[in-house]
Amino acid sequence: MADMNFTGPEPRLEDLLAARKQLTMHAQDGLCLEGVPLNAIADAFGTPSWVYGAATMRARFAALRDAFAAEGVPMHIHYAVKANDHLAVLSLFREQGAGADVVSIGEFMRATKAGIAARNVVYSGVGKSAAELETALGAGVGQINVESGEEIEMISAIASRLGVVASIALRMNPDVDAGTHAKITTGLAENKFGIAAADIPALYARAAGLPGVRPVGIAMHIGSQILSTEPYRLAYEKGAAMIRALREAGQSVDVFDIGGGLGIGYQDEPGLSPHAFAATVKQVTQGLGVRLMMEPGRYLVGPAGVLLGSVILEKQAGKRFLVLDAAMNDLARPAMYDAWHGILPLDAAAYRSATMPADVVGPICESADQFATDRLLPEIKPGGRVALLDAGAYGAVMSSAYNSRPRAAAVLVDGGRFHLITPRQEIEALWAEEIIPG
């Protein structure tokens, strides 16, 4: 089940709040993230603004790390930069001991700028250009997850010319349905990602004989926002069988990169248990004798972030519309995937008021600029503020300046204090680099 296809009764505001220990309600200060009033942040930096909780990110990393430790399974965690690529976030995970998983040379350079050593970076992605590969190999990237025979040949040529040896893992497409939205599924045969299992043995043997490359193992990633361990079990069993078959054919296989995709709760459900996930990995890989790697993103940062918005007006047009200053250019997931995000008022008094259905929308000239339909919310007068929940992943990284709307500010809460980590974009900056031909 993907995060946009919920069934059953809509959770109450109190239920949404109770399911998120990083959020609390103060009688005077209103909604708080890690004890810091969100109204104070909105007063200081305006809306829309992204707010991230550092303690929440650290706690979720620790929960995942400790779940594997409890199973006695050594796991090398590489944070998936695509989920939230802010330097402050990358630095935080570096301090926790994480490496990085990147899918572009821009992400690679961001990760190293944040202090993550190139040797601790895994370079994934289906369309790496020759120029990108040359930069990454020249910098000493730790591992490249390859997705085609053509890419292996490219890497061999570039690495040979540079005089280096590239460690590569072949990304196997296990043809397993992860049960998520079609646009975030990556492990089916018809998806563009990975190499068909039938082609792996010949390509692995070919790579072993090429100059400049050293095949080290098998990688896979079957999708995002996965809420059951069963798709993982099916995929990893196929991966483990492939590793055994390669070894029987005389190949050296040292690495099993199991990807990421762990789902979170967007309503009041708990999301995928890291302990259940770790137990599944142990069950499938026990005795395999490989170095295990994984690349979580959403699980680590999604619940740590909120998007603050202010009500511009309440419009009555046959139904109730709450029009926010936040929009689909800020948080694109509802428009792209029909994604469900909880919405909480910042004012404590709102929780004592009657709720009524409302469509929560933004000001952009697109019908898709809508965060919620018939959501039960109290009256929120113009200037009143709301928090869109679980927006720490695939939020700011997917934002744009559509309709010439400046990108939102970003703030990090840490240790009871808040810090501006990205200023709000100035309007003039929208066209500062544009050129009108003479």
Protein backbone atom coordinates (compact mmCIF):
# COMPACT_ATOMS: atom_id res chain seq x y z
CA MET A 1 0.00 0.00 0.00
CA ALA A 2 1.45 3.34 -1.00
CA ASP A 3 1.12 6.46 1.13
CA MET A 4 -1.53 7.95 -1.14
CA ASN A 5 -4.09 5.12 -1.07
CA PHE A 6 -5.31 5.10 2.52
CA THR A 7 -8.59 3.49 3.41
CA GLY A 8 -10.56 3.69 6.59
CA PRO A 9 -11.45 6.67 8.77
CA GLU A 10 -9.35 9.80 8.59
CA PRO A 11 -7.26 10.28 11.73
CA ARG A 12 -8.23 13.12 14.04
CA LEU A 13 -5.85 15.98 14.67
CA GLU A 14 -5.17 14.52 18.11
CA ASP A 15 -4.32 11.14 16.56
CA LEU A 16 -1.87 12.68 14.11
CA LEU A 17 -0.19 14.54 16.95
CA ALA A 18 -0.06 11.54 19.29
CA ALA A 19 1.59 9.38 16.61
CA ARG A 20 4.56 11.77 16.34
CA LYS A 21 6.61 12.07 19.50
CA GLN A 22 8.73 14.79 17.91
CA LEU A 23 5.64 17.03 17.90
CA THR A 24 4.02 18.44 21.04
CA MET A 25 1.31 20.97 21.78
CA HIS A 26 1.94 23.80 24.23
CA ALA A 27 -1.08 25.64 25.59
CA GLN A 28 0.42 29.07 24.83
CA ASP A 29 3.14 28.47 22.24
CA GLY A 30 1.11 26.05 20.12
CA LEU A 31 2.58 23.26 18.00
CA CYS A 32 6.25 22.54 18.74
CA LEU A 33 8.87 20.47 16.94
CA GLU A 34 11.39 18.96 19.37
CA GLY A 35 10.19 21.48 21.96
CA VAL A 36 10.65 24.54 19.74
CA PRO A 37 7.49 26.55 18.92
CA LEU A 38 6.87 26.51 15.18
CA ASN A 39 5.14 29.87 15.48
CA ALA A 40 8.44 31.36 16.68
CA ILE A 41 10.16 30.05 13.56
CA ALA A 42 7.39 31.40 11.33
CA ASP A 43 7.62 34.77 13.11
CA ALA A 44 11.36 34.88 12.47
CA PHE A 45 11.52 33.64 8.87
CA GLY A 46 8.00 33.78 7.44
CA THR A 47 6.11 31.15 5.50
CA PRO A 48 6.31 28.92 3.59
CA SER A 49 9.33 27.47 5.38
CA TRP A 50 10.79 24.01 5.81
CA VAL A 51 11.66 22.98 9.38
CA TYR A 52 13.76 19.90 10.20
CA GLY A 53 14.38 18.28 13.57
CA ALA A 54 17.99 17.17 14.09
CA ALA A 55 17.21 14.99 17.12
CA THR A 56 14.54 13.14 15.15
CA MET A 57 16.98 12.34 12.35
CA ARG A 58 19.60 11.14 14.81
CA ALA A 59 17.05 8.99 16.64
CA ARG A 60 15.82 7.34 13.45
CA PHE A 61 19.37 6.61 12.30
CA ALA A 62 20.12 5.10 15.71
CA ALA A 63 16.93 3.00 15.61
CA LEU A 64 17.91 1.51 12.25
CA ARG A 65 21.52 0.94 13.26
CA ASP A 66 20.51 -0.61 16.59
CA ALA A 67 17.95 -2.92 14.96
CA PHE A 68 20.68 -4.56 12.90
CA ALA A 69 23.05 -4.62 15.85
CA ALA A 70 20.39 -6.46 17.90
CA GLU A 71 20.24 -9.11 15.16
CA GLY A 72 24.01 -9.39 15.07
CA VAL A 73 24.08 -8.23 11.45
CA PRO A 74 26.86 -5.76 10.50
CA MET A 75 25.27 -3.17 8.19
CA HIS A 76 26.92 -0.30 6.34
CA ILE A 77 24.39 2.53 6.04
CA HIS A 78 24.64 4.98 3.15
CA TYR A 79 22.11 7.82 3.36
CA ALA A 80 20.16 8.32 0.11
CA VAL A 81 20.97 11.94 -0.72
CA LYS A 82 18.03 12.29 -3.11
CA ALA A 83 15.59 12.32 -0.16
CA ASN A 84 16.96 15.56 1.32
CA ASP A 85 20.26 16.91 0.04
CA HIS A 86 20.80 19.87 2.38
CA LEU A 87 24.40 20.20 3.53
CA ALA A 88 23.24 20.44 7.14
CA VAL A 89 21.40 17.13 6.79
CA LEU A 90 24.32 15.42 5.07
CA SER A 91 26.71 16.68 7.74
CA LEU A 92 24.42 15.35 10.47
CA PHE A 93 24.42 11.84 9.01
CA ARG A 94 28.17 11.97 8.41
CA GLU A 95 28.56 12.65 12.13
CA GLN A 96 26.48 9.54 12.83
CA GLY A 97 28.83 7.43 10.72
CA ALA A 98 26.78 7.18 7.53
CA GLY A 99 28.12 7.16 4.02
CA ALA A 100 26.12 8.48 1.07
CA ASP A 101 24.18 7.04 -1.84
CA VAL A 102 24.08 9.45 -4.79
CA VAL A 103 22.44 9.42 -8.23
CA SER A 104 24.14 12.39 -9.91
CA ILE A 105 27.50 14.10 -9.88
CA GLY A 106 25.81 17.07 -8.20
CA GLU A 107 24.76 14.84 -5.31
CA PHE A 108 28.25 13.33 -5.23
CA MET A 109 29.82 16.79 -4.90
CA ARG A 110 27.26 17.81 -2.26
CA ALA A 111 28.11 14.73 -0.20
CA THR A 112 31.85 15.38 -0.34
CA LYS A 113 31.26 19.08 0.38
CA ALA A 114 29.50 17.97 3.57
CA GLY A 115 32.62 16.02 4.55
CA ILE A 116 31.61 12.51 3.47
CA ALA A 117 34.71 10.84 2.06
CA ALA A 118 34.44 9.79 -1.60
CA ARG A 119 35.37 6.25 -0.61
CA ASN A 120 32.17 6.15 1.49
CA VAL A 121 29.96 7.12 -1.45
CA VAL A 122 27.93 4.67 -3.55
CA TYR A 123 27.06 6.05 -6.99
CA SER A 124 23.73 4.68 -8.25
CA GLY A 125 21.45 5.66 -11.12
CA VAL A 126 20.48 4.45 -14.57
CA GLY A 127 21.95 7.29 -16.64
CA LYS A 128 25.44 8.26 -15.51
CA SER A 129 27.23 10.25 -18.22
CA ALA A 130 30.87 9.73 -19.19
CA ALA A 131 31.74 13.14 -17.73
CA GLU A 132 30.04 12.29 -14.43
CA LEU A 133 31.78 8.92 -14.21
CA GLU A 134 35.15 10.51 -14.93
CA THR A 135 34.68 13.04 -12.13
CA ALA A 136 33.56 10.40 -9.62
CA LEU A 137 36.32 7.95 -10.52
CA GLY A 138 38.93 10.68 -10.43
CA ALA A 139 37.77 11.61 -6.92
CA GLY A 140 37.96 8.02 -5.68
CA VAL A 141 34.28 7.05 -5.41
CA GLY A 142 33.87 3.93 -3.28
CA GLN A 143 31.43 1.91 -5.37
CA ILE A 144 29.42 2.30 -8.56
CA ASN A 145 26.16 0.39 -8.89
CA VAL A 146 25.94 -0.36 -12.62
CA GLU A 147 22.68 -0.85 -14.47
CA SER A 148 23.69 -2.14 -17.91
CA GLY A 149 26.42 -3.84 -19.88
CA GLU A 150 26.95 -0.61 -21.77
CA GLU A 151 27.70 1.20 -18.51
CA ILE A 152 30.27 -1.44 -17.55
CA GLU A 153 32.10 -0.87 -20.83
CA MET A 154 32.03 2.92 -20.25
CA ILE A 155 33.49 2.57 -16.78
CA SER A 156 36.20 0.19 -17.99
CA ALA A 157 37.33 2.64 -20.66
CA ILE A 158 37.29 5.69 -18.37
CA ALA A 159 38.94 3.94 -15.41
CA SER A 160 41.67 2.48 -17.66
CA ARG A 161 42.41 5.91 -19.06
CA LEU A 162 42.60 7.38 -15.54
CA GLY A 163 44.74 4.53 -14.27
CA VAL A 164 42.29 3.49 -11.54
CA VAL A 165 40.25 0.40 -10.78
CA ALA A 166 36.52 0.92 -10.22
CA SER A 167 34.69 -1.27 -7.71
CA ILE A 168 31.29 -2.04 -9.27
CA ALA A 169 28.18 -3.88 -8.11
CA LEU A 170 25.68 -5.08 -10.69
CA ARG A 171 22.19 -3.85 -9.93
CA MET A 172 19.89 -6.80 -10.37
CA ASN A 173 16.23 -6.24 -11.22
CA PRO A 174 14.47 -9.01 -9.25
CA ASP A 175 11.05 -8.46 -10.89
CA VAL A 176 9.36 -8.11 -7.49
CA ASP A 177 6.30 -5.91 -6.95
CA ALA A 178 6.97 -3.74 -3.89
CA GLY A 179 3.28 -2.83 -3.60
CA THR A 180 3.83 0.92 -3.90
CA HIS A 181 2.65 3.63 -6.30
CA ALA A 182 3.65 2.85 -9.90
CA LYS A 183 5.78 6.00 -10.04
CA ILE A 184 7.99 4.94 -7.14
CA THR A 185 8.33 1.25 -8.01
CA THR A 186 11.76 0.30 -9.38
CA GLY A 187 12.03 -3.49 -9.13
CA LEU A 188 9.65 -4.73 -11.84
CA ALA A 189 10.82 -6.12 -15.17
CA GLU A 190 9.17 -3.26 -17.06
CA ASN A 191 10.95 -0.59 -14.98
CA LYS A 192 13.98 1.18 -16.47
CA PHE A 193 16.18 0.22 -13.52
CA GLY A 194 18.66 -2.58 -13.14
CA ILE A 195 19.77 -5.62 -15.11
CA ALA A 196 17.54 -8.64 -15.75
CA ALA A 197 18.55 -11.57 -13.56
CA ALA A 198 19.11 -13.80 -16.61
CA ASP A 199 21.76 -11.38 -17.89
CA ILE A 200 23.71 -11.03 -14.64
CA PRO A 201 26.00 -14.11 -14.87
CA ALA A 202 27.37 -13.29 -18.32
CA LEU A 203 27.80 -9.59 -17.53
CA TYR A 204 29.51 -10.35 -14.21
CA ALA A 205 31.96 -12.66 -15.98
CA ARG A 206 32.52 -10.06 -18.70
CA ALA A 207 33.24 -7.36 -16.08
CA ALA A 208 35.70 -9.66 -14.29
CA GLY A 209 37.76 -9.83 -17.45
CA LEU A 210 37.76 -6.13 -18.30
CA PRO A 211 40.56 -3.72 -17.38
CA GLY A 212 39.82 -0.93 -14.93
CA VAL A 213 36.85 -2.60 -13.23
CA ARG A 214 36.47 -5.02 -10.34
CA PRO A 215 33.02 -6.54 -9.84
CA VAL A 216 32.47 -6.81 -6.08
CA GLY A 217 28.86 -7.88 -5.74
CA ILE A 218 25.15 -7.54 -6.37
CA ALA A 219 22.96 -4.51 -5.69
CA MET A 220 19.20 -4.03 -5.78
CA HIS A 221 16.57 -1.44 -4.92
CA ILE A 222 12.92 -2.36 -5.46
CA GLY A 223 11.10 0.88 -4.73
CA SER A 224 10.14 3.49 -2.19
CA GLN A 225 7.64 3.73 0.69
CA ILE A 226 7.51 -0.04 1.24
CA LEU A 227 5.42 -0.98 4.27
CA SER A 228 5.79 -4.78 4.31
CA THR A 229 8.83 -7.01 4.70
CA GLU A 230 7.48 -9.57 2.21
CA PRO A 231 8.65 -7.79 -0.99
CA TYR A 232 12.10 -7.44 0.57
CA ARG A 233 12.20 -11.12 1.46
CA LEU A 234 11.28 -12.16 -2.08
CA ALA A 235 13.82 -9.81 -3.64
CA TYR A 236 16.65 -10.64 -1.27
CA GLU A 237 16.11 -14.37 -1.70
CA LYS A 238 16.61 -13.88 -5.44
CA GLY A 239 19.70 -11.78 -4.76
CA ALA A 240 21.14 -14.40 -2.41
CA ALA A 241 20.50 -17.15 -4.95
CA MET A 242 22.29 -15.09 -7.59
CA ILE A 243 25.31 -14.60 -5.30
CA ARG A 244 25.53 -18.35 -4.72
CA ALA A 245 25.22 -19.06 -8.44
CA LEU A 246 27.96 -16.58 -9.29
CA ARG A 247 30.28 -18.15 -6.72
CA GLU A 248 29.58 -21.60 -8.08
CA ALA A 249 30.62 -20.26 -11.48
CA GLY A 250 33.95 -19.21 -10.01
CA GLN A 251 33.24 -15.51 -9.47
CA SER A 252 34.25 -13.49 -6.42
CA VAL A 253 31.23 -11.85 -4.72
CA ASP A 254 31.92 -9.85 -1.56
CA VAL A 255 29.06 -7.28 -1.41
CA PHE A 256 25.27 -7.41 -1.24
CA ASP A 257 23.82 -3.91 -1.50
CA ILE A 258 20.16 -4.27 -0.48
CA GLY A 259 18.99 -0.73 -1.31
CA GLY A 260 16.44 1.21 0.70
CA GLY A 261 12.78 2.16 0.40
CA LEU A 262 11.62 1.65 4.00
CA GLY A 263 8.17 3.18 4.37
CA ILE A 264 6.98 5.60 7.03
CA GLY A 265 3.54 6.29 8.49
CA TYR A 266 1.90 9.29 6.87
CA GLN A 267 -1.35 8.97 8.83
CA ASP A 268 -1.28 7.50 12.34
CA GLU A 269 0.08 4.07 11.35
CA PRO A 270 3.58 3.09 12.53
CA GLY A 271 5.32 2.48 9.19
CA LEU A 272 7.75 -0.36 8.58
CA SER A 273 9.44 -1.65 11.73
CA PRO A 274 13.24 -1.47 11.51
CA HIS A 275 13.39 -4.55 13.76
CA ALA A 276 11.16 -6.55 11.41
CA PHE A 277 13.22 -5.38 8.45
CA ALA A 278 16.51 -6.30 10.14
CA ALA A 279 15.15 -9.72 11.08
CA THR A 280 14.13 -10.34 7.46
CA VAL A 281 17.58 -9.36 6.20
CA LYS A 282 19.21 -11.69 8.73
CA GLN A 283 16.94 -14.58 7.80
CA VAL A 284 17.75 -14.29 4.09
CA THR A 285 21.46 -13.44 4.25
CA GLN A 286 22.64 -15.50 7.22
CA GLY A 287 25.67 -17.53 6.20
CA LEU A 288 26.01 -15.72 2.88
CA GLY A 289 29.36 -14.22 3.89
CA VAL A 290 28.96 -10.80 2.27
CA ARG A 291 29.46 -7.18 3.26
CA LEU A 292 25.92 -5.83 3.64
CA MET A 293 25.09 -2.28 2.57
CA MET A 294 21.83 -0.34 2.50
CA GLU A 295 20.64 3.11 1.38
CA PRO A 296 17.71 4.49 3.41
CA GLY A 297 16.41 7.98 2.72
CA ARG A 298 12.75 8.69 3.49
CA TYR A 299 12.84 6.55 6.65
CA LEU A 300 15.57 8.75 8.13
CA VAL A 301 14.34 12.23 7.19
CA GLY A 302 10.64 12.08 6.26
CA PRO A 303 9.12 12.37 9.76
CA ALA A 304 11.78 14.90 10.80
CA GLY A 305 10.46 17.66 8.54
CA VAL A 306 7.39 19.89 8.28
CA LEU A 307 6.39 22.57 5.80
CA LEU A 308 4.92 25.64 7.44
CA GLY A 309 2.26 27.59 5.58
CA SER A 310 -0.10 30.46 6.35
CA VAL A 311 -3.76 30.74 5.38
CA ILE A 312 -4.23 33.49 2.80
CA LEU A 313 -8.01 33.22 2.84
CA GLU A 314 -10.90 30.84 3.34
CA LYS A 315 -12.99 30.66 0.18
CA GLN A 316 -16.55 29.41 -0.04
CA ALA A 317 -17.45 28.28 -3.55
CA GLY A 318 -19.90 25.44 -3.16
CA LYS A 319 -17.41 23.93 -0.78
CA ARG A 320 -14.80 25.19 1.67
CA PHE A 321 -11.31 25.98 0.42
CA LEU A 322 -8.38 26.89 2.66
CA VAL A 323 -5.89 28.72 0.42
CA LEU A 324 -2.31 28.61 1.74
CA ASP A 325 0.81 30.54 0.79
CA ALA A 326 2.54 27.16 0.42
CA ALA A 327 1.99 25.46 -2.90
CA MET A 328 2.84 22.55 -5.19
CA ASN A 329 6.07 24.27 -6.20
CA ASP A 330 7.14 23.81 -2.55
CA LEU A 331 5.75 20.32 -1.84
CA ALA A 332 5.09 18.50 -5.13
CA ARG A 333 4.27 15.03 -3.77
CA PRO A 334 0.47 15.47 -3.52
CA ALA A 335 0.32 16.73 -7.10
CA MET A 336 2.69 14.04 -8.41
CA TYR A 337 1.54 10.98 -6.47
CA ASP A 338 -1.74 11.98 -4.78
CA ALA A 339 0.37 11.71 -1.64
CA TRP A 340 -1.32 12.14 1.74
CA HIS A 341 0.26 14.52 4.27
CA GLY A 342 -1.18 15.29 7.68
CA ILE A 343 -2.07 18.94 8.31
CA LEU A 344 -2.04 20.41 11.81
CA PRO A 345 -2.87 23.97 12.91
CA LEU A 346 -0.14 25.70 14.89
CA ASP A 347 -2.64 27.42 17.22
CA ALA A 348 -3.51 25.37 20.33
CA ALA A 349 -7.01 26.87 20.45
CA ALA A 350 -7.84 25.34 17.07
CA TYR A 351 -7.85 21.86 18.63
CA ARG A 352 -10.83 22.82 20.80
CA SER A 353 -12.91 23.97 17.82
CA ALA A 354 -15.34 22.05 15.64
CA THR A 355 -13.93 20.63 12.44
CA MET A 356 -15.44 20.89 8.96
CA PRO A 357 -14.38 19.45 5.58
CA ALA A 358 -12.05 21.66 3.59
CA ASP A 359 -9.94 21.38 0.45
CA VAL A 360 -6.48 22.69 1.32
CA VAL A 361 -4.95 24.29 -1.74
CA GLY A 362 -2.16 26.59 -2.83
CA PRO A 363 -2.24 29.75 -4.98
CA ILE A 364 -0.65 28.27 -8.13
CA CYS A 365 -2.66 28.31 -11.36
CA GLU A 366 -2.95 24.52 -11.59
CA SER A 367 -5.83 22.32 -10.47
CA ALA A 368 -3.22 19.90 -9.12
CA ASP A 369 -2.08 22.52 -6.60
CA GLN A 370 -3.95 20.81 -3.79
CA PHE A 371 -2.70 19.31 -0.53
CA ALA A 372 -5.91 17.73 0.73
CA THR A 373 -9.53 17.08 -0.24
CA ASP A 374 -12.37 17.22 2.28
CA ARG A 375 -9.90 17.23 5.17
CA LEU A 376 -11.56 17.77 8.56
CA LEU A 377 -10.08 21.00 9.92
CA PRO A 378 -11.24 23.73 12.31
CA GLU A 379 -11.74 27.32 11.26
CA ILE A 380 -8.38 28.93 10.52
CA LYS A 381 -8.61 32.63 9.88
CA PRO A 382 -6.35 34.49 7.40
CA GLY A 383 -2.86 34.65 8.83
CA GLY A 384 -3.37 31.44 10.80
CA ARG A 385 -0.68 28.84 10.25
CA VAL A 386 -0.51 25.13 9.58
CA ALA A 387 2.19 22.48 9.41
CA LEU A 388 2.21 19.90 6.63
CA LEU A 389 3.64 16.82 8.28
CA ASP A 390 6.27 14.27 7.27
CA ALA A 391 7.70 16.59 4.63
CA GLY A 392 11.38 16.01 5.35
CA ALA A 393 11.83 13.65 2.38
CA TYR A 394 11.22 14.51 -1.26
CA GLY A 395 10.04 17.98 -0.30
CA ALA A 396 12.58 20.76 -0.72
CA VAL A 397 14.65 18.64 -3.12
CA MET A 398 11.72 18.51 -5.56
CA SER A 399 10.67 22.14 -5.16
CA SER A 400 10.80 24.69 -7.95
CA ALA A 401 10.20 28.35 -8.68
CA TYR A 402 7.10 27.68 -10.80
CA ASN A 403 4.84 30.74 -11.19
CA SER A 404 7.98 32.75 -10.29
CA ARG A 405 7.58 31.84 -6.63
CA PRO A 406 10.83 32.12 -4.64
CA ARG A 407 11.99 28.94 -2.97
CA ALA A 408 11.14 28.64 0.72
CA ALA A 409 13.48 29.16 3.64
CA ALA A 410 14.78 26.14 5.59
CA VAL A 411 15.41 25.94 9.34
CA LEU A 412 17.08 23.29 11.51
CA VAL A 413 15.93 22.70 15.09
CA ASP A 414 18.67 21.30 17.31
CA GLY A 415 19.04 21.22 21.07
CA GLY A 416 16.09 23.51 21.75
CA ARG A 417 17.33 26.20 19.34
CA PHE A 418 16.64 26.88 15.70
CA HIS A 419 19.04 27.87 12.95
CA LEU A 420 18.40 29.26 9.48
CA ILE A 421 20.10 26.86 7.04
CA THR A 422 18.72 28.26 3.77
CA PRO A 423 17.52 31.86 3.42
CA ARG A 424 14.32 32.50 1.52
CA GLN A 425 15.14 33.10 -2.13
CA GLU A 426 14.94 36.76 -3.13
CA ILE A 427 12.52 37.54 -5.95
CA GLU A 428 15.27 39.23 -7.95
CA ALA A 429 17.28 36.01 -7.79
CA LEU A 430 14.65 34.33 -9.96
CA TRP A 431 15.99 36.12 -13.03
CA ALA A 432 19.44 37.17 -11.88
CA GLU A 433 21.21 34.74 -14.22
CA GLU A 434 18.94 35.20 -17.23
CA ILE A 435 20.22 36.90 -20.36
CA ILE A 436 18.19 38.86 -22.93
CA PRO A 437 20.06 38.61 -26.25
CA GLY A 438 21.19 41.97 -27.59
